[in-house]
C-alpha atoms as a PDB file:
ATOM      1  CA  MET A   1      97.274  86.530 118.742  1.00  0.00           C
ATOM      2  CA  LYS A   2      98.269  84.905 115.320  1.00  0.00           C
ATOM      3  CA  PHE A   3      94.847  85.894 114.106  1.00  0.00           C
ATOM      4  CA  LEU A   4      95.298  89.757 115.295  1.00  0.00           C
ATOM      5  CA  PHE A   5      98.613  89.303 113.489  1.00  0.00           C
ATOM      6  CA  ASP A   6      97.009  88.097 110.454  1.00  0.00           C
ATOM      7  CA  LEU A   7      94.536  90.534 110.695  1.00  0.00           C
ATOM      8  CA  LEU A   8      96.952  93.760 111.034  1.00  0.00           C
ATOM      9  CA  PRO A   9      97.001  95.373 107.667  1.00  0.00           C
ATOM     10  CA  VAL A  10      92.996  95.589 107.973  1.00  0.00           C
ATOM     11  CA  ILE A  11      93.026  96.947 111.503  1.00  0.00           C
ATOM     12  CA  LEU A  12      95.473  99.418 111.028  1.00  0.00           C
ATOM     13  CA  PHE A  13      93.511 100.624 107.135  1.00  0.00           C
ATOM     14  CA  PHE A  14      90.388 100.839 109.348  1.00  0.00           C
ATOM     15  CA  ALA A  15      92.349 103.036 112.039  1.00  0.00           C
ATOM     16  CA  ALA A  16      94.250 105.114 109.566  1.00  0.00           C
ATOM     17  CA  TYR A  17      91.033 105.736 107.591  1.00  0.00           C
ATOM     18  CA  LYS A  18      88.774 106.699 111.081  1.00  0.00           C
ATOM     19  CA  LEU A  19      91.899 109.148 112.043  1.00  0.00           C
ATOM     20  CA  GLY A  20      92.131 110.839 108.610  1.00  0.00           C
ATOM     21  CA  GLY A  21      88.441 111.370 108.855  1.00  0.00           C
ATOM     22  CA  ALA A  22      88.535 112.809 112.246  1.00  0.00           C
ATOM     23  CA  HIS A  23      91.610 115.178 110.845  1.00  0.00           C
ATOM     24  CA  PRO A  24      91.107 115.451 107.429  1.00  0.00           C
ATOM     25  CA  GLU A  25      93.140 118.707 107.371  1.00  0.00           C
ATOM     26  CA  ALA A  26      96.241 117.317 108.995  1.00  0.00           C
ATOM     27  CA  ALA A  27      95.735 113.846 106.430  1.00  0.00           C
ATOM     28  CA  HIS A  28      95.546 115.843 103.577  1.00  0.00           C
ATOM     29  CA  ALA A  29      98.582 118.261 104.323  1.00  0.00           C
ATOM     30  CA  LEU A  30     100.620 115.103 105.114  1.00  0.00           C
ATOM     31  CA  LEU A  31      99.494 113.503 101.979  1.00  0.00           C
ATOM     32  CA  SER A  32     100.360 116.564  99.942  1.00  0.00           C
ATOM     33  CA  GLY A  33     104.031 116.252 100.681  1.00  0.00           C
ATOM     34  CA  TRP A  34     103.868 112.697  99.795  1.00  0.00           C
ATOM     35  CA  LEU A  35     101.650 112.673  96.539  1.00  0.00           C
ATOM     36  CA  GLY A  36     101.886 116.509  95.505  1.00  0.00           C
ATOM     37  CA  ASP A  37      99.068 118.568  94.403  1.00  0.00           C
ATOM     38  CA  GLY A  38      95.595 117.611  92.822  1.00  0.00           C
ATOM     39  CA  ILE A  39      94.027 115.717  96.615  1.00  0.00           C
ATOM     40  CA  ALA A  40      90.898 116.694  97.517  1.00  0.00           C
ATOM     41  CA  VAL A  41      90.738 117.046 101.411  1.00  0.00           C
ATOM     42  CA  THR A  42      87.732 114.153 100.887  1.00  0.00           C
ATOM     43  CA  GLN A  43      89.879 111.577  99.486  1.00  0.00           C
ATOM     44  CA  ALA A  44      93.028 112.095 102.353  1.00  0.00           C
ATOM     45  CA  PRO A  45      91.054 109.403 104.762  1.00  0.00           C
ATOM     46  CA  ILE A  46      91.073 106.652 102.305  1.00  0.00           C
ATOM     47  CA  LEU A  47      94.361 107.744 100.400  1.00  0.00           C
ATOM     48  CA  ILE A  48      96.459 107.702 103.605  1.00  0.00           C
ATOM     49  CA  ALA A  49      94.608 104.193 105.009  1.00  0.00           C
ATOM     50  CA  THR A  50      95.789 102.757 101.577  1.00  0.00           C
ATOM     51  CA  ALA A  51      99.312 103.640 102.011  1.00  0.00           C
ATOM     52  CA  VAL A  52      99.243 102.562 105.601  1.00  0.00           C
ATOM     53  CA  ALA A  53      97.713  99.102 104.899  1.00  0.00           C
ATOM     54  CA  ILE A  54     100.756  98.891 102.110  1.00  0.00           C
ATOM     55  CA  ALA A  55     103.549  99.494 104.596  1.00  0.00           C
ATOM     56  CA  ALA A  56     101.654  97.403 107.190  1.00  0.00           C
ATOM     57  CA  THR A  57     101.248  94.172 104.689  1.00  0.00           C
ATOM     58  CA  ALA A  58     105.148  94.908 104.140  1.00  0.00           C
ATOM     59  CA  LEU A  59     106.114  95.124 107.589  1.00  0.00           C
ATOM     60  CA  GLN A  60     104.090  91.972 108.513  1.00  0.00           C
ATOM     61  CA  ILE A  61     106.281  89.756 105.988  1.00  0.00           C
ATOM     62  CA  ALA A  62     109.555  91.394 107.632  1.00  0.00           C
ATOM     63  CA  LEU A  63     108.305  89.824 111.062  1.00  0.00           C
ATOM     64  CA  VAL A  64     107.237  86.959 109.724  1.00  0.00           C
ATOM     65  CA  TRP A  65     110.572  86.482 107.984  1.00  0.00           C
ATOM     66  CA  LEU A  66     112.644  87.776 110.820  1.00  0.00           C
ATOM     67  CA  ARG A  67     111.120  84.949 113.284  1.00  0.00           C
ATOM     68  CA  HIS A  68     110.531  82.038 111.014  1.00  0.00           C
ATOM     69  CA  ARG A  69     112.788  82.748 108.001  1.00  0.00           C
ATOM     70  CA  LYS A  70     109.769  81.567 105.772  1.00  0.00           C
ATOM     71  CA  VAL A  71     107.035  83.568 104.596  1.00  0.00           C
ATOM     72  CA  ASP A  72     103.586  81.813 103.404  1.00  0.00           C
ATOM     73  CA  THR A  73     102.912  82.214  99.776  1.00  0.00           C
ATOM     74  CA  MET A  74      99.521  83.750 101.088  1.00  0.00           C
ATOM     75  CA  LEU A  75     101.321  86.556 102.482  1.00  0.00           C
ATOM     76  CA  TRP A  76     103.328  87.396  99.448  1.00  0.00           C
ATOM     77  CA  VAL A  77     100.004  87.303  97.266  1.00  0.00           C
ATOM     78  CA  SER A  78      98.575  89.443  99.538  1.00  0.00           C
ATOM     79  CA  LEU A  79     101.343  91.705  99.358  1.00  0.00           C
ATOM     80  CA  ALA A  80     101.411  91.823  95.812  1.00  0.00           C
ATOM     81  CA  ILE A  81      97.775  92.369  95.353  1.00  0.00           C
ATOM     82  CA  ILE A  82      97.667  95.688  98.325  1.00  0.00           C
ATOM     83  CA  THR A  83     100.670  96.842  96.352  1.00  0.00           C
ATOM     84  CA  VAL A  84      99.095  96.770  92.975  1.00  0.00           C
ATOM     85  CA  PHE A  85      95.618  98.115  93.742  1.00  0.00           C
ATOM     86  CA  GLY A  86      96.693 100.356  96.523  1.00  0.00           C
ATOM     87  CA  GLY A  87      99.534 101.596  94.759  1.00  0.00           C
ATOM     88  CA  ALA A  88      96.989 102.019  91.501  1.00  0.00           C
ATOM     89  CA  THR A  89      94.709 104.210  94.452  1.00  0.00           C
ATOM     90  CA  LEU A  90      97.630 106.419  95.410  1.00  0.00           C
ATOM     91  CA  PHE A  91      98.896 107.067  91.903  1.00  0.00           C
ATOM     92  CA  PHE A  92      95.392 107.710  90.567  1.00  0.00           C
ATOM     93  CA  HIS A  93      93.843 109.434  93.715  1.00  0.00           C
ATOM     94  CA  ASN A  94      90.949 107.162  93.158  1.00  0.00           C
ATOM     95  CA  PRO A  95      89.688 104.891  95.760  1.00  0.00           C
ATOM     96  CA  THR A  96      87.877 102.589  93.476  1.00  0.00           C
ATOM     97  CA  PHE A  97      90.976 100.331  92.960  1.00  0.00           C
ATOM     98  CA  ILE A  98      91.312  99.635  96.725  1.00  0.00           C
ATOM     99  CA  LYS A  99      88.031  98.790  97.513  1.00  0.00           C
ATOM    100  CA  TRP A 100      88.043  96.138  94.506  1.00  0.00           C
ATOM    101  CA  LYS A 101      91.554  94.452  96.026  1.00  0.00           C
ATOM    102  CA  PRO A 102      89.538  92.371  98.530  1.00  0.00           C
ATOM    103  CA  THR A 103      87.568  91.122  95.604  1.00  0.00           C
ATOM    104  CA  ALA A 104      90.697  90.474  93.544  1.00  0.00           C
ATOM    105  CA  LEU A 105      92.178  88.664  96.881  1.00  0.00           C
ATOM    106  CA  TYR A 106      88.673  86.250  97.448  1.00  0.00           C
ATOM    107  CA  TRP A 107      87.998  85.495  93.830  1.00  0.00           C
ATOM    108  CA  LEU A 108      92.210  84.567  93.458  1.00  0.00           C
ATOM    109  CA  PHE A 109      91.865  82.222  96.580  1.00  0.00           C
ATOM    110  CA  GLY A 110      88.380  80.510  95.544  1.00  0.00           C
ATOM    111  CA  CYS A 111      90.050  80.032  91.702  1.00  0.00           C
ATOM    112  CA  ALA A 112      92.901  78.314  93.328  1.00  0.00           C
ATOM    113  CA  LEU A 113      90.700  76.180  95.371  1.00  0.00           C
ATOM    114  CA  LEU A 114      88.572  75.277  92.186  1.00  0.00           C
ATOM    115  CA  GLY A 115      91.161  75.332  89.462  1.00  0.00           C
ATOM    116  CA  SER A 116      93.888  73.209  91.477  1.00  0.00           C
ATOM    117  CA  THR A 117      90.878  70.551  92.007  1.00  0.00           C
ATOM    118  CA  ALA A 118      89.906  70.819  88.220  1.00  0.00           C
ATOM    119  CA  LEU A 119      93.201  70.866  86.791  1.00  0.00           C
ATOM    120  CA  LEU A 120      95.880  69.495  89.155  1.00  0.00           C
ATOM    121  CA  HIS A 121      93.803  67.005  91.016  1.00  0.00           C
ATOM    122  CA  ARG A 122      94.613  68.610  94.298  1.00  0.00           C
ATOM    123  CA  ASN A 123      92.507  69.450  97.337  1.00  0.00           C
ATOM    124  CA  LEU A 124      94.287  72.648  98.582  1.00  0.00           C
ATOM    125  CA  ILE A 125      91.884  72.453 101.444  1.00  0.00           C
ATOM    126  CA  ARG A 126      92.826  68.874 102.266  1.00  0.00           C
ATOM    127  CA  ASN A 127      96.824  69.243 102.022  1.00  0.00           C
ATOM    128  CA  MET A 128      96.551  72.203 104.553  1.00  0.00           C
ATOM    129  CA  LEU A 129      94.344  70.760 107.204  1.00  0.00           C
ATOM    130  CA  GLU A 130      94.624  66.559 106.863  1.00  0.00           C
ATOM    131  CA  ALA A 131      97.563  67.101 109.482  1.00  0.00           C
ATOM    132  CA  GLN A 132      95.018  67.933 112.124  1.00  0.00           C
ATOM    133  CA  ILE A 133      92.164  66.180 111.363  1.00  0.00           C
ATOM    134  CA  ARG A 134      91.336  62.964 109.234  1.00  0.00           C
ATOM    135  CA  LEU A 135      87.822  62.937 107.264  1.00  0.00           C
ATOM    136  CA  PRO A 136      86.678  60.861 104.655  1.00  0.00           C
ATOM    137  CA  ASP A 137      87.124  61.153 100.662  1.00  0.00           C
ATOM    138  CA  PRO A 138      84.020  63.336 100.107  1.00  0.00           C
ATOM    139  CA  VAL A 139      84.000  65.524 102.950  1.00  0.00           C
ATOM    140  CA  TRP A 140      87.085  66.909 101.828  1.00  0.00           C
ATOM    141  CA  GLY A 141      85.720  67.830  98.511  1.00  0.00           C
ATOM    142  CA  ARG A 142      82.944  69.295  99.742  1.00  0.00           C
ATOM    143  CA  LEU A 143      84.747  71.547 102.252  1.00  0.00           C
ATOM    144  CA  ASN A 144      87.248  72.959  99.446  1.00  0.00           C
ATOM    145  CA  LEU A 145      83.852  73.376  97.621  1.00  0.00           C
ATOM    146  CA  ALA A 146      82.245  75.594 100.352  1.00  0.00           C
ATOM    147  CA  TRP A 147      85.274  77.435 100.936  1.00  0.00           C
ATOM    148  CA  ALA A 148      85.746  78.461  96.939  1.00  0.00           C
ATOM    149  CA  GLY A 149      81.778  79.248  97.041  1.00  0.00           C
ATOM    150  CA  PHE A 150      82.457  81.008 100.393  1.00  0.00           C
ATOM    151  CA  PHE A 151      85.675  83.317  98.790  1.00  0.00           C
ATOM    152  CA  ILE A 152      83.472  83.943  95.273  1.00  0.00           C
ATOM    153  CA  ALA A 153      80.328  85.118  97.185  1.00  0.00           C
ATOM    154  CA  MET A 154      82.749  87.604  99.707  1.00  0.00           C
ATOM    155  CA  GLY A 155      84.137  88.791  96.633  1.00  0.00           C
ATOM    156  CA  LEU A 156      81.018  89.704  95.441  1.00  0.00           C
ATOM    157  CA  LEU A 157      79.319  90.976  98.635  1.00  0.00           C
ATOM    158  CA  ASN A 158      82.388  93.061  98.911  1.00  0.00           C
ATOM    159  CA  LEU A 159      81.360  94.831  95.340  1.00  0.00           C
ATOM    160  CA  TYR A 160      77.866  95.174  96.277  1.00  0.00           C
ATOM    161  CA  VAL A 161      78.758  97.390  99.709  1.00  0.00           C
ATOM    162  CA  ALA A 162      81.658  99.290  97.667  1.00  0.00           C
ATOM    163  CA  TYR A 163      78.951 100.425  95.075  1.00  0.00           C
ATOM    164  CA  ASN A 164      75.833 100.731  96.956  1.00  0.00           C
ATOM    165  CA  PHE A 165      76.674 102.364 100.212  1.00  0.00           C
ATOM    166  CA  SER A 166      78.949 104.979 101.567  1.00  0.00           C
ATOM    167  CA  GLU A 167      82.763 104.818 101.590  1.00  0.00           C
ATOM    168  CA  GLU A 168      82.761 104.963 105.407  1.00  0.00           C
ATOM    169  CA  THR A 169      80.455 102.242 105.229  1.00  0.00           C
ATOM    170  CA  TRP A 170      82.284 100.040 102.819  1.00  0.00           C
ATOM    171  CA  VAL A 171      85.734 100.390 105.466  1.00  0.00           C
ATOM    172  CA  ASP A 172      83.408  99.480 108.274  1.00  0.00           C
ATOM    173  CA  PHE A 173      82.386  96.560 106.236  1.00  0.00           C
ATOM    174  CA  LYS A 174      85.587  95.504 105.658  1.00  0.00           C
ATOM    175  CA  LEU A 175      86.488  94.999 109.018  1.00  0.00           C
ATOM    176  CA  PHE A 176      83.774  94.036 111.108  1.00  0.00           C
ATOM    177  CA  GLY A 177      81.503  92.572 108.065  1.00  0.00           C
ATOM    178  CA  GLY A 178      84.388  90.859 106.456  1.00  0.00           C
ATOM    179  CA  ILE A 179      85.531  89.019 109.782  1.00  0.00           C
ATOM    180  CA  GLY A 180      82.181  88.529 111.251  1.00  0.00           C
ATOM    181  CA  LEU A 181      81.144  86.329 108.384  1.00  0.00           C
ATOM    182  CA  MET A 182      84.606  84.579 108.302  1.00  0.00           C
ATOM    183  CA  LEU A 183      83.923  83.672 112.097  1.00  0.00           C
ATOM    184  CA  ALA A 184      80.399  82.702 111.188  1.00  0.00           C
ATOM    185  CA  PHE A 185      81.372  80.622 108.269  1.00  0.00           C
ATOM    186  CA  VAL A 186      84.337  78.855 110.405  1.00  0.00           C
ATOM    187  CA  LEU A 187      81.597  78.052 113.176  1.00  0.00           C
ATOM    188  CA  GLY A 188      79.356  76.466 110.660  1.00  0.00           C
ATOM    189  CA  GLN A 189      82.257  74.603 108.982  1.00  0.00           C
ATOM    190  CA  GLY A 190      83.033  73.406 112.590  1.00  0.00           C
ATOM    191  CA  PHE A 191      79.532  72.271 113.309  1.00  0.00           C
ATOM    192  CA  TYR A 192      79.544  70.435 110.004  1.00  0.00           C
ATOM    193  CA  LEU A 193      82.624  68.686 110.595  1.00  0.00           C
ATOM    194  CA  SER A 194      82.345  67.415 114.339  1.00  0.00           C
ATOM    195  CA  ARG A 195      79.544  65.056 112.723  1.00  0.00           C
ATOM    196  CA  HIS A 196      82.253  63.406 110.451  1.00  0.00           C
ATOM    197  CA  LEU A 197      84.964  63.539 113.071  1.00  0.00           C
ATOM    198  CA  GLU A 198      82.809  61.797 115.175  1.00  0.00           C
ATOM    199  CA  GLU A 199      81.927  59.305 112.689  1.00  0.00           C
ATOM    200  CA  GLU A 200      85.223  58.647 111.739  1.00  0.00           C
ATOM    201  CA  SER A 201      86.627  58.000 115.312  1.00  0.00           C
ATOM    202  CA  ASN A 202      83.698  55.671 115.943  1.00  0.00           C
END
């Protein structure tokens, strides 16, 4: 349930885009009332999906705050990025900004992992996980580097899909491709770490 909750903005973005694509005239009429004239009918699905994603992220934070009275930094960062890139998409009626949003988030995470190690001598992956698992120091370093490389690669892949395929293909990739690759990477990490966990227990 937590996994689905974390994906709420992405799922609602996808659903709103598909619904707007199925009823473009209705989506266009709704957006014209919010954003004024100058919006093409073909732009309506991505613009309405962007507005839904911004609202969903804000709702997500509100629900977390009401339940825990605390919000993770990652959620605040996600809200800031979707507000900036999504807001620019709505203001300029240009989907390029929202297409860059996943890349900005991925690269921010990747740079944070690399920068914290190089500048602060802190392994963020270790800080998050060492309460649950015990690993040798070199493995923590490789794990941190692997996640940083994964986020940077995902940012590049998002741009490749955004600029070389249709908008609908990018929306599909954003949900299914992004989640699928993340799950595959996590499973790969699990197999790699299981060997070291066994060695540690022995």
